[in-house]
């Protein structure tokens, strides 16, 4: 899968369905037939939507963990809690399961945000709070996370 680009605002209907915006649907078109995996985020109060091929890559990594190590077993259980296989229907709608919707406090207004190779599904208000930088020095974070990378041939991180 290629990198997913963009942030899209949409609404969830009374049944918990959202219409996937056309520009996003076009980007994930190659994944529509295989389906997706929806799960709770580990670090944020949002839902992560993995194209099935990306989920399989993640599962290959997780399957390498020794399940006879309690810490690994605990991690696997928490990581896969609430996981659902989902599809985008013929009308371009995606159903958000009630338990995941409750976890992410999704009401009506949502944001679909690209996160490299997956999509995060956020309650709009929680998303806006998460990207506010008043309590975070983003420049310092960027330097800490990306500042030591220089592995490209052109010398640009």
N, C-alpha and C. Protein backbone atom coordinates (compact mmCIF):
# COMPACT_ATOMS: atom_id res chain seq x y z
N UNK A 1 0.84 -1.18 0.00
CA UNK A 1 0.00 0.00 0.00
C UNK A 1 0.88 1.23 0.00
N UNK A 2 0.44 2.21 -0.70
CA UNK A 2 1.13 3.49 -0.72
C UNK A 2 0.75 4.30 0.50
N UNK A 3 1.47 5.36 0.70
CA UNK A 3 1.15 6.28 1.78
C UNK A 3 -0.21 6.92 1.52
N UNK A 4 -1.01 6.99 2.58
CA UNK A 4 -2.33 7.63 2.48
C UNK A 4 -2.15 9.10 2.85
N UNK A 5 -2.78 9.97 2.10
CA UNK A 5 -2.59 11.40 2.30
C UNK A 5 -3.94 12.07 2.57
N UNK A 6 -3.95 12.95 3.56
CA UNK A 6 -5.11 13.81 3.75
C UNK A 6 -5.81 13.66 5.08
N UNK A 7 -6.61 14.68 5.37
CA UNK A 7 -7.48 14.72 6.53
C UNK A 7 -8.86 15.09 6.01
N UNK A 8 -9.86 14.31 6.39
CA UNK A 8 -11.19 14.47 5.84
C UNK A 8 -12.22 14.53 6.97
N UNK A 9 -13.13 15.48 6.87
CA UNK A 9 -14.20 15.58 7.85
C UNK A 9 -15.46 14.97 7.25
N UNK A 10 -16.18 14.21 8.06
CA UNK A 10 -17.45 13.65 7.61
C UNK A 10 -18.35 13.41 8.81
N UNK A 11 -19.51 12.87 8.55
CA UNK A 11 -20.49 12.66 9.61
C UNK A 11 -20.84 11.18 9.70
N UNK A 12 -21.18 10.75 10.92
CA UNK A 12 -21.64 9.40 11.16
C UNK A 12 -23.16 9.44 11.25
N UNK A 13 -23.83 8.50 10.58
CA UNK A 13 -25.28 8.49 10.65
C UNK A 13 -25.75 7.76 11.92
N UNK A 14 -27.06 7.67 12.11
CA UNK A 14 -27.64 7.09 13.32
C UNK A 14 -27.28 5.61 13.50
N UNK A 15 -26.94 4.93 12.41
CA UNK A 15 -26.56 3.52 12.49
C UNK A 15 -25.06 3.31 12.67
N UNK A 16 -24.30 4.39 12.77
CA UNK A 16 -22.86 4.27 12.97
C UNK A 16 -22.07 4.15 11.68
N UNK A 17 -22.67 4.55 10.57
CA UNK A 17 -21.97 4.47 9.28
C UNK A 17 -21.46 5.84 8.87
N UNK A 18 -20.32 5.83 8.21
CA UNK A 18 -19.82 7.08 7.64
C UNK A 18 -19.53 6.87 6.17
N UNK A 19 -19.75 7.92 5.42
CA UNK A 19 -19.48 7.89 3.98
C UNK A 19 -18.00 8.24 3.79
N UNK A 20 -17.26 7.32 3.18
CA UNK A 20 -15.84 7.56 2.94
C UNK A 20 -15.73 8.61 1.84
N UNK A 21 -15.04 9.72 2.10
CA UNK A 21 -14.90 10.77 1.08
C UNK A 21 -14.24 10.24 -0.19
N UNK A 22 -14.72 10.70 -1.33
CA UNK A 22 -14.24 10.21 -2.63
C UNK A 22 -12.72 10.28 -2.80
N UNK A 23 -12.04 11.39 -2.40
CA UNK A 23 -10.58 11.41 -2.59
C UNK A 23 -9.87 10.32 -1.76
N UNK A 24 -10.40 10.02 -0.59
CA UNK A 24 -9.80 8.97 0.24
C UNK A 24 -10.12 7.60 -0.35
N UNK A 25 -11.35 7.42 -0.77
CA UNK A 25 -11.75 6.14 -1.37
C UNK A 25 -10.90 5.83 -2.60
N UNK A 26 -10.57 6.85 -3.35
CA UNK A 26 -9.73 6.66 -4.54
C UNK A 26 -8.33 6.16 -4.13
N UNK A 27 -7.80 6.71 -3.04
CA UNK A 27 -6.47 6.30 -2.58
C UNK A 27 -6.44 4.86 -2.08
N UNK A 28 -7.54 4.40 -1.49
CA UNK A 28 -7.56 3.04 -0.92
C UNK A 28 -8.28 2.04 -1.83
N UNK A 29 -8.52 2.44 -3.07
CA UNK A 29 -9.27 1.60 -4.01
C UNK A 29 -8.68 0.19 -4.15
N UNK A 30 -7.37 0.08 -4.15
CA UNK A 30 -6.74 -1.23 -4.31
C UNK A 30 -6.99 -2.15 -3.11
N UNK A 31 -7.42 -1.58 -1.99
CA UNK A 31 -7.68 -2.37 -0.77
C UNK A 31 -9.15 -2.70 -0.58
N UNK A 32 -10.03 -2.12 -1.39
CA UNK A 32 -11.47 -2.30 -1.18
C UNK A 32 -11.89 -3.76 -1.24
N UNK A 33 -11.33 -4.51 -2.14
CA UNK A 33 -11.73 -5.91 -2.29
C UNK A 33 -11.24 -6.77 -1.11
N UNK A 34 -10.07 -6.48 -0.58
CA UNK A 34 -9.52 -7.28 0.51
C UNK A 34 -10.14 -6.94 1.86
N UNK A 35 -10.67 -5.75 2.00
CA UNK A 35 -11.26 -5.33 3.25
C UNK A 35 -10.26 -4.67 4.18
N UNK A 36 -10.71 -4.41 5.40
CA UNK A 36 -9.94 -3.64 6.36
C UNK A 36 -10.08 -4.24 7.75
N UNK A 37 -9.18 -3.87 8.62
CA UNK A 37 -9.28 -4.22 10.03
C UNK A 37 -9.38 -2.92 10.81
N UNK A 38 -10.35 -2.88 11.71
CA UNK A 38 -10.59 -1.71 12.54
C UNK A 38 -10.26 -2.09 13.98
N UNK A 39 -9.53 -1.21 14.67
CA UNK A 39 -9.14 -1.50 16.05
C UNK A 39 -8.94 -0.23 16.84
N UNK A 40 -8.85 -0.40 18.15
CA UNK A 40 -8.54 0.72 19.04
C UNK A 40 -7.08 1.12 18.83
N UNK A 41 -6.83 2.39 18.92
CA UNK A 41 -5.45 2.86 18.87
C UNK A 41 -4.76 2.54 20.19
N UNK A 42 -3.48 2.30 20.14
CA UNK A 42 -2.71 2.02 21.35
C UNK A 42 -2.47 3.29 22.15
N UNK A 43 -2.15 4.39 21.47
CA UNK A 43 -1.72 5.60 22.16
C UNK A 43 -2.75 6.71 22.20
N UNK A 44 -3.75 6.67 21.34
CA UNK A 44 -4.71 7.76 21.22
C UNK A 44 -6.13 7.24 21.41
N UNK A 45 -7.04 8.14 21.67
CA UNK A 45 -8.45 7.77 21.81
C UNK A 45 -9.13 7.90 20.45
N UNK A 46 -8.68 7.04 19.54
CA UNK A 46 -9.24 7.01 18.20
C UNK A 46 -9.25 5.57 17.72
N UNK A 47 -9.79 5.37 16.53
CA UNK A 47 -9.85 4.05 15.91
C UNK A 47 -8.85 4.04 14.76
N UNK A 48 -8.18 2.91 14.59
CA UNK A 48 -7.27 2.75 13.47
C UNK A 48 -7.90 1.82 12.44
N UNK A 49 -7.79 2.21 11.18
CA UNK A 49 -8.31 1.42 10.07
C UNK A 49 -7.13 0.96 9.22
N UNK A 50 -6.88 -0.33 9.27
CA UNK A 50 -5.77 -0.93 8.52
C UNK A 50 -6.29 -1.57 7.24
N UNK A 51 -5.74 -1.23 6.08
CA UNK A 51 -6.01 -2.07 4.91
C UNK A 51 -5.52 -3.48 5.24
N UNK A 52 -6.21 -4.50 4.77
CA UNK A 52 -5.91 -5.88 5.16
C UNK A 52 -4.44 -6.24 4.92
N UNK A 53 -3.84 -5.77 3.84
CA UNK A 53 -2.44 -6.09 3.58
C UNK A 53 -1.53 -5.48 4.65
N UNK A 54 -1.84 -4.29 5.11
CA UNK A 54 -1.04 -3.67 6.18
C UNK A 54 -1.24 -4.42 7.50
N UNK A 55 -2.46 -4.89 7.75
CA UNK A 55 -2.73 -5.66 8.95
C UNK A 55 -1.94 -6.97 8.94
N UNK A 56 -1.87 -7.60 7.78
CA UNK A 56 -1.11 -8.85 7.67
C UNK A 56 0.38 -8.63 7.95
N UNK A 57 0.92 -7.50 7.52
CA UNK A 57 2.31 -7.15 7.83
C UNK A 57 2.48 -7.02 9.34
N UNK A 58 1.53 -6.33 9.98
CA UNK A 58 1.59 -6.16 11.44
C UNK A 58 1.48 -7.51 12.14
N UNK A 59 0.61 -8.37 11.68
CA UNK A 59 0.42 -9.67 12.31
C UNK A 59 1.66 -10.56 12.17
N UNK A 60 2.38 -10.41 11.07
CA UNK A 60 3.63 -11.17 10.91
C UNK A 60 4.62 -10.78 12.01
N UNK A 61 4.67 -9.49 12.32
CA UNK A 61 5.56 -9.03 13.40
C UNK A 61 5.10 -9.56 14.75
N UNK A 62 3.80 -9.48 14.99
CA UNK A 62 3.27 -9.90 16.28
C UNK A 62 3.37 -11.42 16.45
N UNK A 63 3.21 -12.15 15.37
CA UNK A 63 3.31 -13.61 15.45
C UNK A 63 4.72 -14.09 15.78
N UNK A 64 5.70 -13.22 15.67
CA UNK A 64 7.07 -13.58 16.04
C UNK A 64 7.29 -13.52 17.55
N UNK A 65 6.35 -12.91 18.26
CA UNK A 65 6.48 -12.80 19.72
C UNK A 65 6.25 -14.16 20.36
N UNK A 66 7.05 -14.47 21.36
CA UNK A 66 6.91 -15.71 22.11
C UNK A 66 5.70 -15.57 23.04
N UNK A 67 4.67 -16.35 22.78
CA UNK A 67 3.44 -16.25 23.57
C UNK A 67 3.57 -16.87 24.96
N UNK A 68 4.70 -17.50 25.24
CA UNK A 68 4.94 -18.04 26.57
C UNK A 68 5.67 -17.04 27.47
N UNK A 69 5.84 -15.82 26.96
CA UNK A 69 6.33 -14.72 27.77
C UNK A 69 5.11 -13.89 28.12
N UNK A 70 4.81 -13.78 29.41
CA UNK A 70 3.58 -13.13 29.86
C UNK A 70 3.42 -11.73 29.28
N UNK A 71 4.47 -10.95 29.28
CA UNK A 71 4.41 -9.58 28.75
C UNK A 71 3.95 -9.59 27.29
N UNK A 72 4.48 -10.52 26.51
CA UNK A 72 4.08 -10.63 25.11
C UNK A 72 2.61 -11.02 24.99
N UNK A 73 2.20 -11.99 25.80
CA UNK A 73 0.81 -12.45 25.78
C UNK A 73 -0.15 -11.32 26.17
N UNK A 74 0.23 -10.56 27.19
CA UNK A 74 -0.59 -9.41 27.61
C UNK A 74 -0.69 -8.38 26.50
N UNK A 75 0.43 -8.11 25.86
CA UNK A 75 0.44 -7.14 24.76
C UNK A 75 -0.47 -7.59 23.63
N UNK A 76 -0.36 -8.84 23.22
CA UNK A 76 -1.17 -9.35 22.11
C UNK A 76 -2.65 -9.22 22.44
N UNK A 77 -3.02 -9.56 23.65
CA UNK A 77 -4.43 -9.47 24.06
C UNK A 77 -4.93 -8.04 23.99
N UNK A 78 -4.15 -7.11 24.54
CA UNK A 78 -4.56 -5.70 24.53
C UNK A 78 -4.56 -5.13 23.11
N UNK A 79 -3.55 -5.48 22.32
CA UNK A 79 -3.43 -4.94 20.97
C UNK A 79 -4.59 -5.38 20.09
N UNK A 80 -5.04 -6.61 20.26
CA UNK A 80 -6.09 -7.15 19.40
C UNK A 80 -7.49 -7.03 20.01
N UNK A 81 -7.61 -6.43 21.17
CA UNK A 81 -8.92 -6.27 21.80
C UNK A 81 -9.83 -5.43 20.92
N UNK A 82 -11.01 -5.94 20.64
CA UNK A 82 -11.99 -5.19 19.87
C UNK A 82 -11.75 -5.15 18.37
N UNK A 83 -10.82 -5.95 17.87
CA UNK A 83 -10.50 -5.94 16.44
C UNK A 83 -11.69 -6.44 15.64
N UNK A 84 -11.98 -5.74 14.55
CA UNK A 84 -13.10 -6.11 13.67
C UNK A 84 -12.63 -6.10 12.22
N UNK A 85 -13.10 -7.07 11.45
CA UNK A 85 -12.91 -7.03 10.00
C UNK A 85 -14.09 -6.25 9.43
N UNK A 86 -13.80 -5.25 8.61
CA UNK A 86 -14.85 -4.41 8.05
C UNK A 86 -14.64 -4.23 6.55
N UNK A 87 -15.72 -3.85 5.90
CA UNK A 87 -15.66 -3.56 4.47
C UNK A 87 -16.34 -2.22 4.22
N UNK A 88 -15.98 -1.62 3.14
CA UNK A 88 -16.68 -0.43 2.67
C UNK A 88 -17.74 -0.94 1.70
N UNK A 89 -19.00 -0.63 1.98
CA UNK A 89 -20.09 -1.19 1.17
C UNK A 89 -20.15 -0.54 -0.21
N UNK A 90 -21.08 -1.03 -1.03
CA UNK A 90 -21.20 -0.57 -2.42
C UNK A 90 -21.53 0.91 -2.52
N UNK A 91 -22.11 1.47 -1.45
CA UNK A 91 -22.43 2.90 -1.46
C UNK A 91 -21.28 3.74 -0.91
N UNK A 92 -20.17 3.10 -0.52
CA UNK A 92 -19.01 3.83 -0.02
C UNK A 92 -19.07 4.12 1.47
N UNK A 93 -19.91 3.35 2.20
CA UNK A 93 -20.06 3.58 3.64
C UNK A 93 -19.24 2.57 4.44
N UNK A 94 -18.79 3.01 5.60
CA UNK A 94 -18.03 2.18 6.52
C UNK A 94 -18.78 2.17 7.85
N UNK A 95 -19.05 0.97 8.37
CA UNK A 95 -19.76 0.84 9.63
C UNK A 95 -18.76 0.80 10.77
N UNK A 96 -18.95 1.67 11.76
CA UNK A 96 -18.10 1.68 12.96
C UNK A 96 -18.84 0.90 14.04
N UNK A 97 -18.22 -0.15 14.54
CA UNK A 97 -18.83 -0.97 15.59
C UNK A 97 -19.08 -0.13 16.83
N UNK A 98 -20.15 -0.45 17.54
CA UNK A 98 -20.55 0.34 18.71
C UNK A 98 -19.48 0.39 19.79
N UNK A 99 -18.81 -0.73 20.05
CA UNK A 99 -17.78 -0.73 21.10
C UNK A 99 -16.60 0.16 20.72
N UNK A 100 -16.23 0.15 19.45
CA UNK A 100 -15.12 1.01 19.01
C UNK A 100 -15.54 2.47 19.00
N UNK A 101 -16.77 2.70 18.59
CA UNK A 101 -17.30 4.07 18.60
C UNK A 101 -17.33 4.63 20.02
N UNK A 102 -17.72 3.80 20.98
CA UNK A 102 -17.75 4.23 22.38
C UNK A 102 -16.33 4.51 22.88
N UNK A 103 -15.37 3.65 22.52
CA UNK A 103 -13.98 3.84 22.93
C UNK A 103 -13.46 5.20 22.45
N UNK A 104 -13.75 5.53 21.19
CA UNK A 104 -13.24 6.76 20.59
C UNK A 104 -14.15 7.96 20.82
N UNK A 105 -15.24 7.75 21.56
CA UNK A 105 -16.20 8.82 21.86
C UNK A 105 -16.73 9.49 20.59
N UNK A 106 -16.94 8.67 19.57
CA UNK A 106 -17.44 9.20 18.30
C UNK A 106 -18.93 9.48 18.42
N UNK A 107 -19.30 10.69 18.07
CA UNK A 107 -20.71 11.05 18.09
C UNK A 107 -21.19 11.24 16.65
N UNK A 108 -21.16 12.43 16.16
CA UNK A 108 -21.65 12.69 14.80
C UNK A 108 -20.56 13.16 13.86
N UNK A 109 -19.77 14.15 14.29
CA UNK A 109 -18.72 14.70 13.44
C UNK A 109 -17.42 13.94 13.65
N UNK A 110 -16.85 13.45 12.57
CA UNK A 110 -15.61 12.68 12.66
C UNK A 110 -14.57 13.24 11.70
N UNK A 111 -13.34 12.88 11.99
CA UNK A 111 -12.21 13.21 11.12
C UNK A 111 -11.52 11.90 10.75
N UNK A 112 -11.29 11.72 9.47
CA UNK A 112 -10.48 10.61 8.98
C UNK A 112 -9.12 11.21 8.65
N UNK A 113 -8.10 10.77 9.36
CA UNK A 113 -6.77 11.36 9.21
C UNK A 113 -5.78 10.29 8.78
N UNK A 114 -4.99 10.63 7.78
CA UNK A 114 -3.96 9.69 7.33
C UNK A 114 -2.89 9.58 8.41
N UNK A 115 -2.41 8.37 8.58
CA UNK A 115 -1.31 8.10 9.51
C UNK A 115 -0.36 7.15 8.78
N UNK A 116 0.27 7.66 7.77
CA UNK A 116 1.19 6.98 6.86
C UNK A 116 0.46 5.90 6.07
N UNK A 117 0.36 4.67 6.59
CA UNK A 117 -0.23 3.57 5.83
C UNK A 117 -1.56 3.09 6.40
N UNK A 118 -2.08 3.79 7.40
CA UNK A 118 -3.39 3.48 7.97
C UNK A 118 -4.19 4.77 8.08
N UNK A 119 -5.46 4.63 8.46
CA UNK A 119 -6.33 5.78 8.64
C UNK A 119 -6.78 5.81 10.09
N UNK A 120 -6.68 6.97 10.72
CA UNK A 120 -7.21 7.14 12.06
C UNK A 120 -8.61 7.75 11.94
N UNK A 121 -9.53 7.22 12.74
CA UNK A 121 -10.90 7.73 12.77
C UNK A 121 -11.11 8.38 14.13
N UNK A 122 -11.36 9.67 14.14
CA UNK A 122 -11.43 10.47 15.36
C UNK A 122 -12.78 11.15 15.52
N UNK A 123 -13.22 11.33 16.74
CA UNK A 123 -14.25 12.31 17.03
C UNK A 123 -13.62 13.67 16.70
N UNK A 124 -14.36 14.53 16.03
CA UNK A 124 -13.78 15.79 15.56
C UNK A 124 -13.18 16.62 16.69
N UNK A 125 -13.90 16.75 17.80
CA UNK A 125 -13.39 17.56 18.92
C UNK A 125 -12.11 16.96 19.51
N UNK A 126 -12.08 15.63 19.66
CA UNK A 126 -10.87 14.99 20.20
C UNK A 126 -9.69 15.13 19.24
N UNK A 127 -9.97 15.08 17.93
CA UNK A 127 -8.90 15.26 16.95
C UNK A 127 -8.32 16.66 17.06
N UNK A 128 -9.19 17.65 17.13
CA UNK A 128 -8.71 19.04 17.24
C UNK A 128 -7.85 19.22 18.48
N UNK A 129 -8.26 18.63 19.60
CA UNK A 129 -7.46 18.71 20.83
C UNK A 129 -6.12 18.00 20.66
N UNK A 130 -6.12 16.88 19.94
CA UNK A 130 -4.88 16.10 19.80
C UNK A 130 -3.82 16.81 18.97
N UNK A 131 -4.25 17.67 18.05
CA UNK A 131 -3.26 18.34 17.21
C UNK A 131 -2.88 19.72 17.72
N UNK A 132 -3.55 20.18 18.77
CA UNK A 132 -3.14 21.44 19.38
C UNK A 132 -1.73 21.27 19.94
N UNK A 133 -0.92 22.26 19.73
CA UNK A 133 0.47 22.15 20.18
C UNK A 133 0.76 23.02 21.40
N UNK A 134 -0.28 23.48 22.07
CA UNK A 134 -0.05 24.35 23.23
C UNK A 134 0.68 23.62 24.35
N UNK A 135 0.42 22.32 24.50
CA UNK A 135 1.07 21.57 25.57
C UNK A 135 2.25 20.75 25.06
N UNK A 136 2.63 20.95 23.81
CA UNK A 136 3.69 20.16 23.21
C UNK A 136 4.55 21.06 22.34
N UNK A 137 5.83 20.99 22.52
CA UNK A 137 6.75 21.72 21.66
C UNK A 137 7.01 20.83 20.45
N UNK A 138 6.24 21.05 19.37
CA UNK A 138 6.34 20.18 18.22
C UNK A 138 7.72 20.23 17.57
N UNK A 139 8.34 21.39 17.57
CA UNK A 139 9.68 21.50 16.98
C UNK A 139 10.66 20.60 17.73
N UNK A 140 10.58 20.59 19.06
CA UNK A 140 11.46 19.74 19.85
C UNK A 140 11.15 18.26 19.61
N UNK A 141 9.86 17.94 19.50
CA UNK A 141 9.46 16.56 19.22
C UNK A 141 9.98 16.12 17.85
N UNK A 142 9.83 16.97 16.85
CA UNK A 142 10.30 16.64 15.50
C UNK A 142 11.81 16.41 15.50
N UNK A 143 12.54 17.26 16.20
CA UNK A 143 13.99 17.09 16.27
C UNK A 143 14.35 15.79 16.96
N UNK A 144 13.66 15.48 18.05
CA UNK A 144 13.95 14.26 18.80
C UNK A 144 13.65 13.01 17.99
N UNK A 145 12.53 13.01 17.29
CA UNK A 145 12.12 11.83 16.55
C UNK A 145 12.85 11.71 15.21
N UNK A 146 12.98 12.81 14.48
CA UNK A 146 13.50 12.74 13.12
C UNK A 146 14.91 13.32 12.96
N UNK A 147 15.41 14.01 13.94
CA UNK A 147 16.66 14.74 13.81
C UNK A 147 17.90 13.90 13.57
N UNK A 148 17.90 12.67 14.01
CA UNK A 148 19.08 11.83 13.85
C UNK A 148 19.01 10.94 12.63
N UNK A 149 17.91 11.03 11.88
CA UNK A 149 17.79 10.23 10.67
C UNK A 149 18.49 10.93 9.53
N UNK A 150 19.31 10.21 8.84
CA UNK A 150 19.99 10.73 7.66
C UNK A 150 20.42 9.54 6.83
N UNK A 151 19.44 8.71 6.50
CA UNK A 151 19.76 7.47 5.83
C UNK A 151 19.47 7.47 4.33
N UNK A 152 19.03 8.61 3.80
CA UNK A 152 18.78 8.66 2.36
C UNK A 152 20.06 9.02 1.62
N UNK A 153 20.14 8.56 0.39
CA UNK A 153 21.32 8.80 -0.41
C UNK A 153 21.58 10.27 -0.66
N UNK A 154 20.51 11.09 -0.66
CA UNK A 154 20.69 12.50 -0.94
C UNK A 154 21.10 13.30 0.29
N UNK A 155 21.22 12.63 1.44
CA UNK A 155 21.66 13.30 2.65
C UNK A 155 20.56 14.06 3.37
N UNK A 156 19.35 13.96 2.84
CA UNK A 156 18.21 14.64 3.45
C UNK A 156 17.41 13.61 4.24
N UNK A 157 17.09 13.94 5.44
CA UNK A 157 16.31 13.00 6.27
C UNK A 157 14.93 12.82 5.74
